[in-house]
Amino acid sequence: MSPGARPEVDLDHHSPSFARDPLAAVGAARASCPVGWSPHHGGFWALTRYDDVVRVLNDAAAFSSRHDLDPASPFKGVTIPPPPMCFIPVEMDPPEFMAYRRLLNPMFSPAAVARLQPTMVAFTDWCIDQAVERGSMDLVYDLASPVPAMVTLELLGLPTDEWQRYATTFHDMAGYPPGSPQLEAAFASAAEITTDLTSLVTARRGSPQRQRRGGVDELIDATVDGAPIPVPVLVDMIKLILAGGIDTTTGAAAGAFAYLASHPDARARLIASPSLMETAVEEFVRWVTPTPVLARTATCPFPIGGQEIGTHERVMANLFAANRDPAAFERPDDVVLDRAPNRHVSFGAGIHRCVGANLARAELAVMLSRVLARLPDYAVDMSSAERYHTAGVQNGWVSLPATFTSPARPPR
């Protein structure tokens, strides 16, 4: 199909308008051109219907997640435009993908997450304790950012007191648009983290007296096809766990806090009925959609939605649009705390579905529960709140300044 024959849609996931009001952007695109060619960022097919998004994400053979750092390669991974680094195994295809994914599954199993539960509560209460006497805190900077970062570092066996370095780097990588000086600075910081992790992994692997401290050591000791994981690949796996564990849960928690601040009836209902927390967490993950888009590369001609996607053309599965599709969800734009079933795609779909979904749900439930228990009257100054400058990678908040009546500290 010639470029001129493609139905075009003006959908730029990195634009200020998309960050400000993604609902309006995807609603217009779905109504006028649900499978359309966007000319932005080198060009890609934009999918905005639930069924089309699920179809693409479930077909790993026709739609590749592979990311080659070679500029001449058409395979550019799961974001548009691609970053100057690869995340493994989410940017691999089968059969190679499966060998590495199997190594991560035990770290994020329900049993492993349950063992981390007391740690999540302790970190959350510690963060609240730092602000409780002054009667104010930033729900992102003081809570939703440090808790997932510290839990992720604890899981990996890395120093939790370095949470701010990792959180700042990965939040800035997600929160600033392509070409911005802040994003370039974040890439530079990520390169330094890569260097440091390479040194750490090399030193631990070479230490005969090493004590296993967490996920990093589990990966150091792991083998694929009978051979140890190469250090660069191992470091890319650690960076994926850091990026996924730190930023996505922060975005979901911040969106939930903002919603409950402006919907007192929903907040009162959650406080009165804690048993709703499980479905409420699932609904907040759907409604916020912290990772709003995922990219793929077509490996063959593929018809979808009346259009023909060509070999090596880039495809953008808009998860936010899918989660707000009225054909898939009743009252899609409302938060329904007891929505069930809830077949959202916020964690993706298919074989690449988010390996850390169990951990993200648990962290979100803990942060919401502890804030509602300890700071039930918190109020957010939305006039001073700040969203990410782009929602092209993550749908998040930079700041949510809040005040509350200072409660007594809980027994420790």
Protein backbone atom coordinates (compact mmCIF):
# COMPACT_ATOMS: atom_id res chain seq x y z
CA MET A 1 0.00 0.00 0.00
CA SER A 2 1.42 3.38 -0.94
CA PRO A 3 1.79 5.98 1.81
CA GLY A 4 -0.76 8.16 0.07
CA ALA A 5 -3.40 5.44 0.30
CA ARG A 6 -3.09 5.14 4.05
CA PRO A 7 -5.85 6.74 6.12
CA GLU A 8 -4.00 9.21 8.35
CA VAL A 9 -4.75 10.04 11.95
CA ASP A 10 -3.14 12.91 13.82
CA LEU A 11 -2.32 10.98 16.99
CA ASP A 12 0.98 11.86 18.67
CA HIS A 13 1.38 10.11 22.02
CA HIS A 14 4.22 12.48 22.98
CA SER A 15 2.30 15.69 22.29
CA PRO A 16 1.33 18.07 25.13
CA SER A 17 -2.33 17.64 24.17
CA PHE A 18 -2.14 13.86 24.59
CA ALA A 19 -0.44 14.24 27.99
CA ARG A 20 -3.05 16.79 29.05
CA ASP A 21 -6.14 14.92 27.81
CA PRO A 22 -5.44 11.47 26.34
CA LEU A 23 -9.15 10.61 26.49
CA ALA A 24 -10.05 13.30 23.98
CA ALA A 25 -7.19 12.32 21.66
CA VAL A 26 -7.93 8.60 21.55
CA GLY A 27 -11.69 9.08 21.44
CA ALA A 28 -11.43 11.24 18.34
CA ALA A 29 -9.04 8.80 16.68
CA ARG A 30 -11.21 5.76 17.46
CA ALA A 31 -14.32 7.47 16.14
CA SER A 32 -12.76 8.71 12.89
CA CYS A 33 -10.01 6.22 12.08
CA PRO A 34 -9.55 3.33 14.55
CA VAL A 35 -6.67 1.87 12.47
CA GLY A 36 -4.85 4.84 11.02
CA TRP A 37 -1.37 5.90 9.97
CA SER A 38 0.23 8.51 12.21
CA PRO A 39 3.02 10.49 10.53
CA HIS A 40 4.72 11.29 13.84
CA HIS A 41 8.06 9.88 15.03
CA GLY A 42 8.89 8.21 11.76
CA GLY A 43 5.36 6.95 11.14
CA PHE A 44 3.34 4.11 12.68
CA TRP A 45 -0.05 2.46 12.61
CA ALA A 46 -2.19 3.62 15.56
CA LEU A 47 -4.70 1.11 16.93
CA THR A 48 -7.39 2.44 19.27
CA ARG A 49 -9.97 -0.38 19.54
CA TYR A 50 -9.79 -2.99 22.29
CA ASP A 51 -10.17 -6.00 19.98
CA ASP A 52 -7.46 -4.80 17.59
CA VAL A 53 -5.05 -4.06 20.43
CA VAL A 54 -5.57 -7.49 22.01
CA ARG A 55 -5.20 -9.19 18.64
CA VAL A 56 -1.82 -7.56 17.99
CA LEU A 57 -0.45 -8.14 21.49
CA ASN A 58 -1.45 -11.81 21.36
CA ASP A 59 0.29 -12.45 18.03
CA ALA A 60 4.01 -12.44 18.81
CA ALA A 61 4.82 -14.09 15.47
CA ALA A 62 3.26 -11.38 13.31
CA PHE A 63 4.14 -8.47 15.62
CA SER A 64 7.67 -8.47 16.95
CA SER A 65 8.86 -6.89 20.21
CA ARG A 66 12.51 -7.20 19.17
CA HIS A 67 14.78 -4.19 19.62
CA ASP A 68 17.97 -3.97 17.59
CA LEU A 69 20.27 -1.08 18.49
CA ASP A 70 21.57 -1.13 14.90
CA PRO A 71 20.09 2.01 13.29
CA ALA A 72 19.63 0.14 10.00
CA SER A 73 17.39 -2.50 11.58
CA PRO A 74 13.60 -2.05 11.32
CA PHE A 75 13.10 -3.74 14.70
CA LYS A 76 12.86 -0.95 17.27
CA GLY A 77 11.26 -2.53 20.31
CA VAL A 78 8.24 -1.59 22.35
CA THR A 79 8.40 2.22 22.42
CA ILE A 80 8.21 4.87 19.73
CA PRO A 81 10.73 6.38 19.31
CA PRO A 82 13.07 3.75 20.80
CA PRO A 83 15.51 4.62 23.60
CA PRO A 84 19.26 4.07 23.13
CA MET A 85 19.13 0.88 25.21
CA CYS A 86 17.42 -2.49 25.19
CA PHE A 87 15.22 -3.99 27.90
CA ILE A 88 15.41 -7.78 28.18
CA PRO A 89 13.37 -9.94 27.85
CA VAL A 90 10.43 -7.66 27.01
CA GLU A 91 12.21 -6.64 23.79
CA MET A 92 12.90 -10.21 22.70
CA ASP A 93 10.82 -12.62 20.61
CA PRO A 94 10.24 -16.36 21.05
CA PRO A 95 11.91 -18.75 21.40
CA GLU A 96 14.70 -16.68 22.97
CA PHE A 97 12.20 -14.66 24.99
CA MET A 98 10.79 -17.68 26.81
CA ALA A 99 14.14 -18.81 28.22
CA TYR A 100 14.73 -15.44 29.86
CA ARG A 101 11.13 -14.89 30.94
CA ARG A 102 11.17 -18.19 32.83
CA LEU A 103 14.06 -16.87 34.93
CA LEU A 104 12.00 -13.88 36.06
CA ASN A 105 8.71 -15.64 36.80
CA PRO A 106 9.71 -17.00 40.25
CA MET A 107 10.79 -13.54 41.45
CA PHE A 108 7.29 -12.17 40.87
CA SER A 109 5.16 -15.18 41.77
CA PRO A 110 2.29 -14.76 44.24
CA ALA A 111 4.39 -16.48 46.93
CA ALA A 112 7.37 -14.17 46.33
CA VAL A 113 5.13 -11.10 46.45
CA ALA A 114 3.51 -12.33 49.68
CA ARG A 115 6.96 -12.56 51.28
CA LEU A 116 7.55 -8.91 50.38
CA GLN A 117 4.23 -7.74 51.86
CA PRO A 118 5.62 -6.78 55.31
CA THR A 119 8.42 -4.88 53.60
CA MET A 120 5.91 -2.92 51.51
CA VAL A 121 3.95 -1.97 54.62
CA ALA A 122 7.12 -0.99 56.50
CA PHE A 123 8.40 1.21 53.66
CA THR A 124 4.99 2.85 53.23
CA ASP A 125 4.61 3.60 56.92
CA TRP A 126 8.18 4.90 57.07
CA CYS A 127 7.45 7.34 54.23
CA ILE A 128 4.26 8.54 55.92
CA ASP A 129 6.10 8.87 59.23
CA GLN A 130 8.53 11.36 57.70
CA ALA A 131 5.69 13.76 56.93
CA VAL A 132 3.02 12.97 59.49
CA GLU A 133 3.95 15.61 62.06
CA ARG A 134 4.12 18.49 59.60
CA GLY A 135 0.67 17.71 58.16
CA SER A 136 1.74 17.81 54.53
CA MET A 137 3.54 15.71 51.95
CA ASP A 138 3.90 15.28 48.24
CA LEU A 139 2.08 12.06 47.50
CA VAL A 140 4.40 11.38 44.55
CA TYR A 141 7.81 12.53 45.75
CA ASP A 142 7.34 11.44 49.38
CA LEU A 143 5.39 8.21 48.86
CA ALA A 144 4.41 6.90 45.43
CA SER A 145 7.94 7.30 44.08
CA PRO A 146 10.10 5.97 46.95
CA VAL A 147 7.99 2.96 47.95
CA PRO A 148 8.05 1.09 44.60
CA ALA A 149 11.70 2.05 44.13
CA MET A 150 12.73 0.75 47.53
CA VAL A 151 10.69 -2.44 47.16
CA THR A 152 12.23 -3.09 43.74
CA LEU A 153 15.76 -2.53 45.06
CA GLU A 154 15.01 -4.80 48.02
CA LEU A 155 13.75 -7.47 45.63
CA LEU A 156 16.94 -7.23 43.59
CA GLY A 157 19.26 -7.14 46.60
CA LEU A 158 20.51 -3.63 45.81
CA PRO A 159 20.92 -0.84 48.41
CA THR A 160 17.50 0.68 49.13
CA ASP A 161 19.04 3.98 50.23
CA GLU A 162 19.93 4.64 46.58
CA TRP A 163 16.24 4.70 45.62
CA GLN A 164 16.26 8.37 44.65
CA ARG A 165 18.98 7.97 42.03
CA TYR A 166 17.14 5.16 40.29
CA ALA A 167 13.71 6.74 40.67
CA THR A 168 14.81 10.10 39.26
CA THR A 169 16.48 8.48 36.27
CA PHE A 170 13.62 6.21 35.27
CA HIS A 171 10.89 8.76 36.02
CA ASP A 172 12.68 11.33 33.84
CA MET A 173 13.13 8.79 31.05
CA ALA A 174 9.37 8.31 31.04
CA GLY A 175 8.27 11.83 31.86
CA TYR A 176 9.99 14.01 29.27
CA PRO A 177 9.43 14.04 25.49
CA PRO A 178 11.93 13.04 22.80
CA GLY A 179 14.59 15.66 22.15
CA SER A 180 14.20 17.41 25.51
CA PRO A 181 17.35 18.17 27.54
CA GLN A 182 15.80 16.42 30.55
CA LEU A 183 15.40 13.19 28.57
CA GLU A 184 18.97 13.37 27.29
CA ALA A 185 20.18 13.88 30.87
CA ALA A 186 18.13 10.85 31.96
CA PHE A 187 19.70 8.75 29.20
CA ALA A 188 23.14 9.86 30.40
CA SER A 189 22.24 8.89 33.97
CA ALA A 190 20.95 5.52 32.73
CA ALA A 191 24.28 4.96 30.99
CA GLU A 192 26.06 5.60 34.30
CA ILE A 193 23.72 3.13 36.02
CA THR A 194 24.56 0.61 33.30
CA THR A 195 28.26 1.06 34.00
CA ASP A 196 27.76 0.70 37.75
CA LEU A 197 25.56 -2.38 37.39
CA THR A 198 28.09 -3.94 35.03
CA SER A 199 30.83 -3.47 37.64
CA LEU A 200 28.60 -4.81 40.42
CA VAL A 201 27.53 -7.90 38.47
CA THR A 202 31.09 -8.62 37.36
CA ALA A 203 32.40 -8.30 40.91
CA ARG A 204 29.67 -10.48 42.43
CA ARG A 205 30.04 -13.13 39.75
CA GLY A 206 33.77 -13.29 40.43
CA SER A 207 33.47 -13.54 44.21
CA PRO A 208 33.74 -17.14 45.49
CA GLN A 209 32.55 -16.04 48.97
CA ARG A 210 29.49 -14.20 47.66
CA GLN A 211 26.29 -14.38 49.68
CA ARG A 212 23.06 -14.46 47.67
CA ARG A 213 21.25 -11.20 48.42
CA GLY A 214 18.30 -11.17 46.05
CA GLY A 215 17.26 -11.15 42.44
CA VAL A 216 20.58 -9.92 41.10
CA ASP A 217 22.37 -12.93 42.57
CA GLU A 218 19.67 -15.27 41.30
CA LEU A 219 20.27 -13.98 37.79
CA ILE A 220 24.05 -14.19 38.21
CA ASP A 221 23.71 -17.87 39.09
CA ALA A 222 21.14 -18.62 36.37
CA THR A 223 21.92 -20.30 33.06
CA VAL A 224 20.31 -20.24 29.63
CA ASP A 225 20.94 -23.25 27.42
CA GLY A 226 23.49 -24.41 29.97
CA ALA A 227 25.58 -21.23 29.89
CA PRO A 228 25.72 -18.27 32.30
CA ILE A 229 23.87 -15.16 31.17
CA PRO A 230 26.30 -12.73 29.48
CA VAL A 231 26.92 -9.68 31.67
CA PRO A 232 25.45 -7.13 29.19
CA VAL A 233 22.26 -9.18 28.88
CA LEU A 234 22.05 -9.62 32.64
CA VAL A 235 22.41 -5.86 33.16
CA ASP A 236 19.65 -5.20 30.59
CA MET A 237 17.39 -7.58 32.57
CA ILE A 238 18.11 -5.71 35.80
CA LYS A 239 17.34 -2.39 34.12
CA LEU A 240 14.01 -3.75 32.90
CA ILE A 241 13.08 -4.76 36.46
CA LEU A 242 14.12 -1.33 37.73
CA ALA A 243 12.28 0.62 35.04
CA GLY A 244 9.12 -1.47 35.24
CA GLY A 245 9.13 -1.75 39.01
CA ILE A 246 9.79 1.90 39.70
CA ASP A 247 7.74 3.95 37.27
CA THR A 248 4.54 2.09 36.42
CA THR A 249 3.37 1.58 40.01
CA THR A 250 4.17 5.20 40.83
CA GLY A 251 1.93 6.32 37.97
CA ALA A 252 -0.95 4.07 39.02
CA ALA A 253 -0.73 5.13 42.66
CA ALA A 254 -0.53 8.83 41.83
CA GLY A 255 -3.55 8.57 39.53
CA ALA A 256 -5.53 6.77 42.23
CA PHE A 257 -4.60 9.34 44.89
CA ALA A 258 -5.62 12.19 42.58
CA TYR A 259 -8.94 10.52 41.78
CA LEU A 260 -9.84 9.83 45.40
CA ALA A 261 -8.90 13.37 46.39
CA SER A 262 -11.53 14.74 44.01
CA HIS A 263 -14.15 12.02 44.59
CA PRO A 264 -14.88 11.96 48.35
CA ASP A 265 -17.76 9.51 47.96
CA ALA A 266 -15.46 6.91 46.40
CA ARG A 267 -12.89 7.54 49.10
CA ALA A 268 -15.47 7.12 51.87
CA ARG A 269 -16.71 3.93 50.27
CA LEU A 270 -13.20 2.42 50.17
CA ILE A 271 -12.57 3.40 53.78
CA ALA A 272 -15.88 1.88 54.90
CA SER A 273 -15.46 -1.27 52.79
CA PRO A 274 -11.81 -2.39 52.70
CA SER A 275 -12.91 -5.61 51.00
CA LEU A 276 -13.36 -3.52 47.84
CA MET A 277 -9.61 -2.88 47.62
CA GLU A 278 -8.88 -5.80 45.30
CA THR A 279 -11.34 -4.76 42.60
CA ALA A 280 -10.57 -1.07 43.21
CA VAL A 281 -6.88 -1.64 42.53
CA GLU A 282 -7.71 -3.43 39.28
CA GLU A 283 -10.01 -0.58 38.30
CA PHE A 284 -7.47 2.13 39.05
CA VAL A 285 -4.91 0.27 36.96
CA ARG A 286 -7.43 0.18 34.08
CA TRP A 287 -8.60 3.78 34.46
CA VAL A 288 -5.12 5.28 34.82
CA THR A 289 -3.38 2.93 32.34
CA PRO A 290 0.12 3.84 33.57
CA THR A 291 1.71 2.44 30.39
CA PRO A 292 -0.62 3.96 27.79
CA VAL A 293 0.97 2.59 24.61
CA LEU A 294 3.07 -0.37 23.43
CA ALA A 295 4.80 -0.66 20.07
CA ARG A 296 5.44 -3.63 17.83
CA THR A 297 7.03 -4.22 14.40
CA ALA A 298 5.09 -6.17 11.77
CA THR A 299 7.01 -9.20 10.49
CA CYS A 300 4.67 -9.83 7.55
CA PRO A 301 1.75 -8.17 5.74
CA PHE A 302 -1.21 -8.22 8.12
CA PRO A 303 -4.82 -7.13 7.54
CA ILE A 304 -6.52 -5.49 10.50
CA GLY A 305 -9.46 -3.14 10.80
CA GLY A 306 -9.83 -2.89 7.03
CA GLN A 307 -6.21 -1.83 6.56
CA GLU A 308 -3.12 -3.69 5.39
CA ILE A 309 -0.11 -3.33 7.68
CA GLY A 310 3.10 -3.84 5.73
CA THR A 311 6.18 -5.84 6.65
CA HIS A 312 8.49 -3.94 9.03
CA GLU A 313 5.97 -1.16 9.58
CA ARG A 314 5.67 0.04 13.14
CA VAL A 315 2.43 -0.50 15.06
CA MET A 316 1.27 1.34 18.17
CA ALA A 317 -1.20 -0.56 20.36
CA ASN A 318 -2.89 2.15 22.39
CA LEU A 319 -3.66 0.51 25.73
CA PHE A 320 -5.29 3.64 27.10
CA ALA A 321 -7.72 3.70 24.18
CA ALA A 322 -8.43 -0.01 24.55
CA ASN A 323 -9.17 0.42 28.25
CA ARG A 324 -11.66 3.20 27.44
CA ASP A 325 -13.34 1.43 24.52
CA PRO A 326 -17.13 1.44 25.09
CA ALA A 327 -17.36 -1.75 23.05
CA ALA A 328 -15.32 -3.53 25.73
CA PHE A 329 -16.29 -1.77 28.97
CA GLU A 330 -19.55 -0.45 30.33
CA ARG A 331 -19.13 3.16 31.51
CA PRO A 332 -15.48 3.07 30.38
CA ASP A 333 -14.64 6.59 31.52
CA ASP A 334 -15.93 6.08 35.07
CA VAL A 335 -14.11 4.49 37.99
CA VAL A 336 -16.29 1.57 39.07
CA LEU A 337 -14.72 0.33 42.29
CA ASP A 338 -16.39 -3.08 42.16
CA ARG A 339 -16.05 -3.64 38.40
CA ALA A 340 -15.86 -7.37 37.67
CA PRO A 341 -14.81 -8.90 35.45
CA ASN A 342 -12.20 -6.36 34.46
CA ARG A 343 -10.35 -7.50 31.33
CA HIS A 344 -8.16 -4.42 30.99
CA VAL A 345 -4.88 -4.45 29.09
CA SER A 346 -2.86 -2.19 31.39
CA PHE A 347 -0.40 -5.04 31.97
CA GLY A 348 -0.36 -5.88 28.27
CA ALA A 349 -1.53 -9.19 26.84
CA GLY A 350 -0.07 -12.33 25.36
CA ILE A 351 3.29 -13.84 26.22
CA HIS A 352 4.83 -10.42 26.98
CA ARG A 353 2.23 -9.59 29.63
CA CYS A 354 3.90 -7.71 32.51
CA VAL A 355 5.85 -10.12 34.69
CA GLY A 356 5.55 -7.75 37.68
CA ALA A 357 1.75 -7.44 37.66
CA ASN A 358 1.38 -9.27 41.00
CA LEU A 359 3.92 -7.00 42.66
CA ALA A 360 2.36 -3.84 41.22
CA ARG A 361 -1.10 -4.80 42.49
CA ALA A 362 0.22 -5.54 45.97
CA GLU A 363 2.20 -2.30 46.22
CA LEU A 364 -0.74 -0.24 45.04
CA ALA A 365 -3.08 -1.92 47.52
CA VAL A 366 -0.66 -1.32 50.40
CA MET A 367 -0.08 2.36 49.58
CA LEU A 368 -3.79 3.08 49.15
CA SER A 369 -4.76 1.16 52.28
CA ARG A 370 -2.15 2.84 54.50
CA VAL A 371 -2.95 6.34 53.25
CA LEU A 372 -6.70 5.83 53.70
CA ALA A 373 -6.10 4.38 57.19
CA ARG A 374 -3.60 6.98 58.39
CA LEU A 375 -4.40 10.10 56.32
CA PRO A 376 -8.10 9.69 55.55
CA ASP A 377 -8.77 13.42 55.18
CA TYR A 378 -5.88 14.21 52.83
CA ALA A 379 -6.54 16.98 50.33
CA VAL A 380 -4.54 17.56 47.13
CA ASP A 381 -3.82 21.04 45.81
CA MET A 382 -4.59 20.25 42.17
CA SER A 383 -3.69 23.79 41.11
CA SER A 384 -0.09 23.03 42.10
CA ALA A 385 -0.06 19.41 40.95
CA GLU A 386 2.10 18.60 37.94
CA ARG A 387 1.71 15.81 35.38
CA TYR A 388 4.44 14.23 33.31
CA HIS A 389 5.40 16.36 30.33
CA THR A 390 4.65 13.44 28.02
CA ALA A 391 2.41 10.39 28.33
CA GLY A 392 4.15 8.64 25.46
CA VAL A 393 5.85 6.09 27.71
CA GLN A 394 4.16 6.41 31.10
CA ASN A 395 1.03 8.20 32.27
CA GLY A 396 2.27 9.76 35.48
CA TRP A 397 2.52 12.68 37.85
CA VAL A 398 5.56 14.69 38.88
CA SER A 399 3.92 16.16 41.96
CA LEU A 400 0.74 15.86 44.06
CA PRO A 401 1.07 18.23 47.04
CA ALA A 402 -1.25 17.20 49.85
CA THR A 403 -2.23 18.33 53.32
CA PHE A 404 -3.97 16.41 56.10
CA THR A 405 -4.81 16.44 59.77
CA SER A 406 -1.80 15.00 61.54
CA PRO A 407 -2.80 11.68 63.11
CA ALA A 408 -1.01 9.88 65.88
CA ARG A 409 1.81 7.59 64.85
CA PRO A 410 0.77 3.93 64.77
CA PRO A 411 2.33 1.43 67.14
CA ARG A 412 5.64 0.32 65.60
